[in-house]
N, C-alpha and C. Protein backbone atom coordinates (compact mmCIF):
# COMPACT_ATOMS: atom_id res chain seq x y z
N UNK A 1 -15.61 1.57 0.27
CA UNK A 1 -14.20 1.87 0.41
C UNK A 1 -14.00 3.34 0.05
N UNK A 2 -13.32 4.10 0.92
CA UNK A 2 -13.06 5.50 0.59
C UNK A 2 -12.31 5.61 -0.74
N UNK A 3 -12.59 6.65 -1.46
CA UNK A 3 -12.02 6.81 -2.80
C UNK A 3 -10.50 6.74 -2.81
N UNK A 4 -9.84 7.30 -1.80
CA UNK A 4 -8.38 7.35 -1.84
C UNK A 4 -7.74 6.01 -1.53
N UNK A 5 -8.54 5.02 -1.12
CA UNK A 5 -8.00 3.67 -0.92
C UNK A 5 -8.30 2.76 -2.10
N UNK A 6 -8.94 3.28 -3.11
CA UNK A 6 -9.28 2.46 -4.28
C UNK A 6 -8.01 2.13 -5.07
N UNK A 7 -7.94 0.91 -5.57
CA UNK A 7 -6.78 0.55 -6.39
C UNK A 7 -6.91 1.17 -7.78
N UNK A 8 -5.84 1.12 -8.56
CA UNK A 8 -5.88 1.73 -9.89
C UNK A 8 -7.02 1.20 -10.76
N UNK A 9 -7.26 -0.11 -10.70
CA UNK A 9 -8.29 -0.67 -11.57
C UNK A 9 -9.68 -0.16 -11.22
N UNK A 10 -9.91 0.26 -9.98
CA UNK A 10 -11.21 0.83 -9.60
C UNK A 10 -11.24 2.33 -9.90
N UNK A 11 -10.12 2.99 -9.79
CA UNK A 11 -10.07 4.43 -10.03
C UNK A 11 -10.32 4.78 -11.48
N UNK A 12 -9.94 3.90 -12.39
CA UNK A 12 -10.11 4.17 -13.81
C UNK A 12 -11.58 4.13 -14.23
N UNK A 13 -12.48 3.73 -13.35
CA UNK A 13 -13.89 3.63 -13.68
C UNK A 13 -14.68 4.88 -13.27
N UNK A 14 -14.06 5.82 -12.59
CA UNK A 14 -14.77 7.03 -12.18
C UNK A 14 -15.37 7.71 -13.40
N UNK A 15 -16.60 8.10 -13.26
CA UNK A 15 -17.25 8.84 -14.33
C UNK A 15 -17.71 8.00 -15.49
N UNK A 16 -17.47 6.71 -15.46
CA UNK A 16 -17.89 5.82 -16.54
C UNK A 16 -19.11 5.05 -16.09
N UNK A 17 -19.82 4.50 -17.03
CA UNK A 17 -20.98 3.69 -16.69
C UNK A 17 -20.61 2.26 -16.30
N UNK A 18 -19.36 1.91 -16.46
CA UNK A 18 -18.91 0.55 -16.13
C UNK A 18 -18.92 0.36 -14.61
N UNK A 19 -19.22 -0.84 -14.16
CA UNK A 19 -19.21 -1.09 -12.71
C UNK A 19 -17.80 -0.98 -12.15
N UNK A 20 -17.72 -0.51 -10.92
CA UNK A 20 -16.43 -0.40 -10.25
C UNK A 20 -16.05 -1.78 -9.73
N UNK A 21 -14.86 -2.26 -10.06
CA UNK A 21 -14.44 -3.58 -9.58
C UNK A 21 -14.41 -3.61 -8.05
N UNK A 22 -14.66 -4.76 -7.51
CA UNK A 22 -14.54 -4.95 -6.07
C UNK A 22 -14.03 -6.36 -5.84
N UNK A 23 -13.79 -6.69 -4.61
CA UNK A 23 -13.32 -8.03 -4.30
C UNK A 23 -12.02 -8.01 -3.52
N UNK A 24 -11.44 -9.19 -3.40
CA UNK A 24 -10.26 -9.36 -2.57
C UNK A 24 -9.08 -8.51 -3.03
N UNK A 25 -8.85 -8.40 -4.33
CA UNK A 25 -7.72 -7.60 -4.83
C UNK A 25 -7.87 -6.13 -4.46
N UNK A 26 -9.10 -5.62 -4.51
CA UNK A 26 -9.35 -4.22 -4.11
C UNK A 26 -9.11 -4.06 -2.61
N UNK A 27 -9.55 -5.03 -1.84
CA UNK A 27 -9.34 -4.98 -0.38
C UNK A 27 -7.86 -5.02 -0.04
N UNK A 28 -7.09 -5.82 -0.76
CA UNK A 28 -5.65 -5.93 -0.48
C UNK A 28 -4.95 -4.60 -0.75
N UNK A 29 -5.37 -3.91 -1.81
CA UNK A 29 -4.78 -2.60 -2.11
C UNK A 29 -5.05 -1.65 -0.94
N UNK A 30 -6.31 -1.60 -0.50
CA UNK A 30 -6.67 -0.73 0.62
C UNK A 30 -5.89 -1.08 1.88
N UNK A 31 -5.69 -2.36 2.11
CA UNK A 31 -4.91 -2.82 3.26
C UNK A 31 -3.46 -2.32 3.15
N UNK A 32 -2.90 -2.40 1.96
CA UNK A 32 -1.53 -1.91 1.76
C UNK A 32 -1.41 -0.42 2.03
N UNK A 33 -2.39 0.36 1.56
CA UNK A 33 -2.36 1.81 1.80
C UNK A 33 -2.47 2.09 3.30
N UNK A 34 -3.40 1.41 3.96
CA UNK A 34 -3.58 1.64 5.40
C UNK A 34 -2.34 1.24 6.20
N UNK A 35 -1.75 0.09 5.87
CA UNK A 35 -0.52 -0.33 6.54
C UNK A 35 0.59 0.71 6.36
N UNK A 36 0.70 1.19 5.14
CA UNK A 36 1.73 2.18 4.85
C UNK A 36 1.51 3.46 5.68
N UNK A 37 0.26 3.91 5.72
CA UNK A 37 -0.05 5.12 6.48
C UNK A 37 0.19 4.92 7.98
N UNK A 38 -0.25 3.79 8.51
CA UNK A 38 -0.11 3.53 9.94
C UNK A 38 1.35 3.36 10.35
N UNK A 39 2.12 2.69 9.54
CA UNK A 39 3.49 2.37 9.91
C UNK A 39 4.48 3.49 9.62
N UNK A 40 4.14 4.38 8.72
CA UNK A 40 5.07 5.46 8.38
C UNK A 40 4.58 6.81 8.89
N UNK A 41 3.41 6.84 9.53
CA UNK A 41 2.84 8.08 10.06
C UNK A 41 2.75 9.16 8.98
N UNK A 42 2.33 8.73 7.80
CA UNK A 42 2.24 9.65 6.66
C UNK A 42 0.97 9.35 5.87
N UNK A 43 0.02 10.30 5.85
CA UNK A 43 -1.18 10.06 5.03
C UNK A 43 -0.83 10.11 3.55
N UNK A 44 -0.86 8.96 2.91
CA UNK A 44 -0.40 8.86 1.53
C UNK A 44 -1.30 9.64 0.59
N UNK A 45 -2.57 9.39 0.66
CA UNK A 45 -3.51 10.00 -0.27
C UNK A 45 -4.45 10.91 0.51
N UNK A 46 -4.28 12.18 0.35
CA UNK A 46 -5.03 13.14 1.16
C UNK A 46 -6.32 13.61 0.51
N UNK A 47 -6.44 13.49 -0.77
CA UNK A 47 -7.61 14.02 -1.46
C UNK A 47 -8.16 12.97 -2.41
N UNK A 48 -9.42 13.15 -2.78
CA UNK A 48 -10.06 12.22 -3.71
C UNK A 48 -9.45 12.40 -5.10
N UNK A 49 -8.83 11.35 -5.61
CA UNK A 49 -8.26 11.48 -6.95
C UNK A 49 -9.36 11.38 -8.01
N UNK A 50 -9.25 12.21 -9.01
CA UNK A 50 -10.17 12.09 -10.13
C UNK A 50 -9.63 11.03 -11.06
N UNK A 51 -10.51 10.35 -11.72
CA UNK A 51 -10.11 9.24 -12.59
C UNK A 51 -9.01 9.64 -13.56
N UNK A 52 -9.20 10.76 -14.23
CA UNK A 52 -8.23 11.11 -15.28
C UNK A 52 -6.89 11.58 -14.70
N UNK A 53 -6.86 11.85 -13.39
CA UNK A 53 -5.63 12.35 -12.78
C UNK A 53 -4.95 11.33 -11.87
N UNK A 54 -5.48 10.10 -11.82
CA UNK A 54 -4.92 9.11 -10.91
C UNK A 54 -3.43 8.91 -11.19
N UNK A 55 -3.07 8.76 -12.45
CA UNK A 55 -1.66 8.55 -12.78
C UNK A 55 -0.81 9.78 -12.51
N UNK A 56 -1.42 10.97 -12.64
CA UNK A 56 -0.66 12.20 -12.43
C UNK A 56 -0.56 12.61 -10.97
N UNK A 57 -1.56 12.27 -10.15
CA UNK A 57 -1.57 12.76 -8.78
C UNK A 57 -1.32 11.68 -7.73
N UNK A 58 -1.87 10.51 -7.92
CA UNK A 58 -1.72 9.45 -6.92
C UNK A 58 -0.41 8.71 -7.09
N UNK A 59 -0.11 8.28 -8.29
CA UNK A 59 1.10 7.50 -8.54
C UNK A 59 2.38 8.20 -8.08
N UNK A 60 2.58 9.48 -8.38
CA UNK A 60 3.82 10.11 -7.92
C UNK A 60 3.97 10.10 -6.40
N UNK A 61 2.88 10.28 -5.67
CA UNK A 61 2.94 10.24 -4.21
C UNK A 61 3.32 8.84 -3.74
N UNK A 62 2.68 7.84 -4.34
CA UNK A 62 3.00 6.46 -3.97
C UNK A 62 4.43 6.09 -4.32
N UNK A 63 4.87 6.47 -5.50
CA UNK A 63 6.23 6.14 -5.93
C UNK A 63 7.26 6.74 -4.97
N UNK A 64 7.04 7.99 -4.58
CA UNK A 64 7.97 8.63 -3.65
C UNK A 64 7.93 7.93 -2.29
N UNK A 65 6.73 7.66 -1.78
CA UNK A 65 6.59 7.04 -0.46
C UNK A 65 7.07 5.60 -0.46
N UNK A 66 7.04 4.95 -1.61
CA UNK A 66 7.45 3.54 -1.69
C UNK A 66 8.94 3.35 -1.90
N UNK A 67 9.68 4.43 -2.05
CA UNK A 67 11.13 4.29 -2.14
C UNK A 67 11.62 3.67 -0.84
N UNK A 68 12.36 2.56 -0.91
CA UNK A 68 12.74 1.87 0.32
C UNK A 68 13.42 2.76 1.35
N UNK A 69 14.34 3.60 0.92
CA UNK A 69 15.06 4.43 1.89
C UNK A 69 14.13 5.47 2.54
N UNK A 70 13.17 5.99 1.78
CA UNK A 70 12.21 6.95 2.33
C UNK A 70 11.30 6.26 3.34
N UNK A 71 10.78 5.10 2.97
CA UNK A 71 9.88 4.36 3.85
C UNK A 71 10.58 3.94 5.13
N UNK A 72 11.77 3.35 5.01
CA UNK A 72 12.51 2.89 6.19
C UNK A 72 12.80 4.06 7.13
N UNK A 73 13.20 5.18 6.59
CA UNK A 73 13.49 6.36 7.42
C UNK A 73 12.23 6.83 8.16
N UNK A 74 11.09 6.84 7.47
CA UNK A 74 9.84 7.29 8.11
C UNK A 74 9.43 6.32 9.21
N UNK A 75 9.53 5.02 8.95
CA UNK A 75 9.16 4.02 9.96
C UNK A 75 10.06 4.15 11.18
N UNK A 76 11.35 4.29 10.95
CA UNK A 76 12.29 4.37 12.06
C UNK A 76 12.16 5.68 12.84
N UNK A 77 11.73 6.74 12.18
CA UNK A 77 11.52 7.99 12.92
C UNK A 77 10.25 7.92 13.76
N UNK A 78 9.29 7.13 13.32
CA UNK A 78 8.03 6.99 14.04
C UNK A 78 8.13 5.92 15.12
N UNK A 79 8.81 4.81 14.82
CA UNK A 79 9.01 3.70 15.76
C UNK A 79 10.51 3.54 15.98
N UNK A 80 11.04 4.19 16.98
CA UNK A 80 12.48 4.21 17.18
C UNK A 80 13.08 2.83 17.44
N UNK A 81 12.28 1.88 17.94
CA UNK A 81 12.81 0.55 18.26
C UNK A 81 12.88 -0.38 17.04
N UNK A 82 12.39 0.05 15.90
CA UNK A 82 12.38 -0.79 14.70
C UNK A 82 13.71 -0.67 13.97
N UNK A 83 14.34 -1.82 13.73
CA UNK A 83 15.62 -1.79 13.00
C UNK A 83 15.36 -1.72 11.50
N UNK A 84 16.40 -1.46 10.74
CA UNK A 84 16.24 -1.26 9.30
C UNK A 84 15.82 -2.53 8.57
N UNK A 85 16.24 -3.70 9.04
CA UNK A 85 15.84 -4.96 8.38
C UNK A 85 14.34 -5.18 8.55
N UNK A 86 13.83 -4.97 9.75
CA UNK A 86 12.39 -5.13 10.00
C UNK A 86 11.60 -4.13 9.17
N UNK A 87 12.07 -2.89 9.11
CA UNK A 87 11.38 -1.86 8.31
C UNK A 87 11.39 -2.23 6.83
N UNK A 88 12.50 -2.79 6.36
CA UNK A 88 12.57 -3.20 4.96
C UNK A 88 11.64 -4.38 4.68
N UNK A 89 11.54 -5.32 5.59
CA UNK A 89 10.62 -6.44 5.43
C UNK A 89 9.17 -5.95 5.42
N UNK A 90 8.88 -4.97 6.26
CA UNK A 90 7.54 -4.37 6.26
C UNK A 90 7.27 -3.70 4.92
N UNK A 91 8.26 -3.02 4.40
CA UNK A 91 8.13 -2.38 3.08
C UNK A 91 7.81 -3.42 2.01
N UNK A 92 8.51 -4.54 2.02
CA UNK A 92 8.27 -5.60 1.04
C UNK A 92 6.87 -6.18 1.18
N UNK A 93 6.41 -6.35 2.41
CA UNK A 93 5.05 -6.84 2.64
C UNK A 93 4.02 -5.87 2.04
N UNK A 94 4.21 -4.60 2.30
CA UNK A 94 3.29 -3.58 1.77
C UNK A 94 3.34 -3.56 0.25
N UNK A 95 4.53 -3.69 -0.31
CA UNK A 95 4.66 -3.71 -1.77
C UNK A 95 3.86 -4.86 -2.39
N UNK A 96 3.79 -5.99 -1.68
CA UNK A 96 3.00 -7.12 -2.18
C UNK A 96 1.52 -6.76 -2.27
N UNK A 97 1.05 -5.93 -1.34
CA UNK A 97 -0.35 -5.49 -1.37
C UNK A 97 -0.59 -4.41 -2.42
N UNK A 98 0.44 -3.64 -2.74
CA UNK A 98 0.29 -2.52 -3.67
C UNK A 98 0.76 -2.86 -5.08
N UNK A 99 0.71 -4.10 -5.42
CA UNK A 99 1.03 -4.55 -6.77
C UNK A 99 -0.01 -3.94 -7.72
N UNK A 100 0.45 -3.30 -8.79
CA UNK A 100 -0.46 -2.66 -9.75
C UNK A 100 -1.38 -3.68 -10.41
N UNK A 101 -0.84 -4.83 -10.77
CA UNK A 101 -1.64 -5.88 -11.41
C UNK A 101 -2.45 -6.59 -10.33
N UNK A 102 -3.77 -6.48 -10.35
CA UNK A 102 -4.59 -7.09 -9.29
C UNK A 102 -4.46 -8.61 -9.22
N UNK A 103 -4.14 -9.24 -10.33
CA UNK A 103 -4.00 -10.70 -10.32
C UNK A 103 -2.72 -11.16 -9.63
N UNK A 104 -1.76 -10.26 -9.47
CA UNK A 104 -0.50 -10.60 -8.81
C UNK A 104 -0.44 -10.09 -7.37
N UNK A 105 -1.47 -9.36 -6.94
CA UNK A 105 -1.50 -8.79 -5.60
C UNK A 105 -1.57 -9.90 -4.55
N UNK A 106 -0.87 -9.71 -3.47
CA UNK A 106 -0.83 -10.71 -2.40
C UNK A 106 -2.21 -10.90 -1.77
N UNK A 107 -2.47 -12.12 -1.35
CA UNK A 107 -3.68 -12.40 -0.58
C UNK A 107 -3.32 -12.38 0.90
N UNK A 108 -4.31 -12.32 1.75
CA UNK A 108 -4.06 -12.33 3.19
C UNK A 108 -3.34 -13.62 3.60
N UNK A 109 -3.78 -14.73 3.05
CA UNK A 109 -3.17 -16.02 3.41
C UNK A 109 -1.70 -16.07 3.04
N UNK A 110 -1.36 -15.55 1.89
CA UNK A 110 0.04 -15.51 1.47
C UNK A 110 0.81 -14.49 2.31
N UNK A 111 0.19 -13.34 2.56
CA UNK A 111 0.84 -12.29 3.34
C UNK A 111 1.20 -12.77 4.74
N UNK A 112 0.34 -13.59 5.35
CA UNK A 112 0.62 -14.08 6.70
C UNK A 112 1.82 -15.01 6.75
N UNK A 113 2.27 -15.49 5.60
CA UNK A 113 3.46 -16.33 5.52
C UNK A 113 4.70 -15.51 5.15
N UNK A 114 4.54 -14.19 5.05
CA UNK A 114 5.63 -13.31 4.65
C UNK A 114 6.75 -13.33 5.68
N UNK A 115 7.95 -13.12 5.21
CA UNK A 115 9.14 -13.12 6.06
C UNK A 115 9.05 -12.08 7.18
N UNK A 116 8.31 -11.00 6.97
CA UNK A 116 8.14 -9.98 8.01
C UNK A 116 7.59 -10.61 9.29
N UNK A 117 6.60 -11.48 9.16
CA UNK A 117 5.99 -12.11 10.33
C UNK A 117 6.91 -13.16 10.93
N UNK A 118 7.70 -13.82 10.10
CA UNK A 118 8.69 -14.77 10.62
C UNK A 118 9.73 -14.04 11.46
N UNK A 119 10.16 -12.89 10.98
CA UNK A 119 11.17 -12.10 11.69
C UNK A 119 10.63 -11.64 13.04
N UNK A 120 9.35 -11.31 13.11
CA UNK A 120 8.75 -10.82 14.35
C UNK A 120 8.62 -11.92 15.40
N UNK A 121 8.57 -13.16 14.98
CA UNK A 121 8.41 -14.27 15.93
C UNK A 121 9.74 -14.74 16.51
N UNK A 122 10.85 -14.23 15.99
CA UNK A 122 12.16 -14.62 16.52
C UNK A 122 12.37 -13.94 17.88
N UNK A 123 13.05 -14.66 18.80
CA UNK A 123 13.30 -14.08 20.15
C UNK A 123 14.26 -12.92 20.11
């Protein structure tokens, strides 16, 4: 997994002898970052964060990009046919993947039941 897609729990291990966590929770974080980048046409993390700077450099970018009004505006400017409700549901789906606590992060099976996908299936 590229360094800039690593979740917080994996980033804190840089430079340490401890093994870097992996597994479904790490994959879900990466999925959330990729969805956010693809849907908002904005590369969230442009450089490799150093372990000691993750909170100082990565979190502020994510916090700004995760503001609902910022995200919805970016999605709607990139996909003109997307309404604000759909963009907000997409935001909520991504937020489920970007949960800081890995034990609370959404799984793919749960994510597929998200209201965003229900909204997309309506005529």
